[in-house]
């Protein structure tokens, strides 16, 4: 077989290889790694436990922290949100930046750094007695999680080069595993806690996977070389895969998130710029300038398909993470006290099915599996918006199946199609999902719920709503500020009304009218889920078009890099 050193060999069209050549490539990549089966297994499960630890920390902060931090540290709801956000936004930033150095630093040193950060974060969280201490704990947790994601994805792809999509799915079963473990610990042992002091001890459980993966990585003396590095593809070629388009979308969302975290910058970007919020408009402008500059330096616009996948991560992350974040609240009117277990139930299904991702991937390509997942999500969300009683749990099965393969299959898709992009393309597509779920996902679902709440109130109390709108009636919130009961808000240029339903109820004295309003408000969550089904619909259309494009090119085939010694 003739191949140029470091050259991409695409098994379709003019780069087609026969089965014998495929096997040769597989055996060559395996031999170059110099890893025994024991070392591969040890590295894989150490990576699995690292992400499990991050999942445990995430769900405990979500369930325990957000409920008790306010009273424990005497802080406002906005500050509680800032603490929770501090554990999330550093993940994406760390993933992108660490992608540039992980091949130089090495996997072992990187994971030891993550081990230390996750351990420190857990200790700081347990003993935190102030807002500032907890803020540091959450930031350290986010940094540790970011390094974990930046390392384990390319590490797994390097170990299992001919099974990238399958093994990345199994690896990412660790995230729902962490949610199940943390959720069960909290709901069975700490749910009745009345203070942060009583519940903070739950974070000791995070040390079990942290210590385990730390020891396992220490025991490993051989690590795989990234496929890009082994094929002697220079970093300049990796950056060309990313290109100006990749830089544009990354810089846009990074700048937007930084402006959210830096008060002075956020204040300077308050207001509107034409039809868009000034912050968003300026972020896009900065992204265009940065992307154009980066593209000019590396002399590449980047891969269009990679750019499209980054865009698809916006609805994908919203459908998976943001919907999970809202599902407990949205389903509480229907499921009552069992709403908390619904998240654990769906995470358990996701965890189990990811171990068997290889089965559907035998019969379809990653885009095909993503299309099928989108269809399950559409059915699940619509079913949840209509089901009652035991049927709700059946609807959750469809919902969970739909979410199961999204994230890791996109990672496998990117790893198989852009191996020259190395850690950069693999981690950036994941980081885009994490960034946009906070920028778009949570605000979008919150705005939809606010809009439907206003419609429900306006349906039963039109005169009262008209009066609130005309007079601008206010109430004093928990922070002592006067806030309008009815607000005219805007999300990315789209206007909507947001009403405080609890304050509206205080204005109503007729018990019968209150009962009617309460009944209508229970339907708000269902209406929100129906709108949320639009997101997987967009994804289904996108993945169908991608499948059609691949068929026109001779079918989906993974791309391999050939080591120069094999040329």
Foldseek 3Di string as FASTA:
>chain_A
DDDAQQDWQFCFDPSNDDPVVVVVQVVVLQVVQVDDPVLLVLLLVLLLLLLLLLLLVLLCCLPPVLVAVCVQAVDDNVLSVLLSVLLFLLQLVLLQVVLVCCLPCDLLNLLLQLLVLSVVLLVLLLPPRHSVSSSSSSNSNNNSNNSSLLRNLLQQCSNCVPCNLLSLLLSVLSNLSSNLVNLCCCVPPPVPPDHCNRSSVSSVVSVVSSVVSNVSSVPNDGGGRGQLVLSVLDVLLLLQQCALLVQLLLQLLSQLVVLVVDVVSVVVQQDPDPLFRSSNVVSNVRSNVRSVVSNVVSVHRHDPVLSVLLVLLLLLLLLAPQCLSCQLVLCCLQPPPCSSVLSSLLSVLLSVVSNVVVVVCVVDPLLVQLLVLLVLCLQLLLQCLDDHDPSNSVSSNSNSSSSNSRPSSSLSVCCQACSNNRSNSSSNSVSSNSSSCVLPNNVVLVQLLQQQLLVLCCVLPVVLSVVLVVVQQWDQDPVRDTHRQWDFDDRRSRTGIGGDVVVVLVVDDDPVSVVSSVVSSSSSSSSSSNVSSVSSVVSSVVSVVVQVVQVVRVHDTGMHTDHNVVD
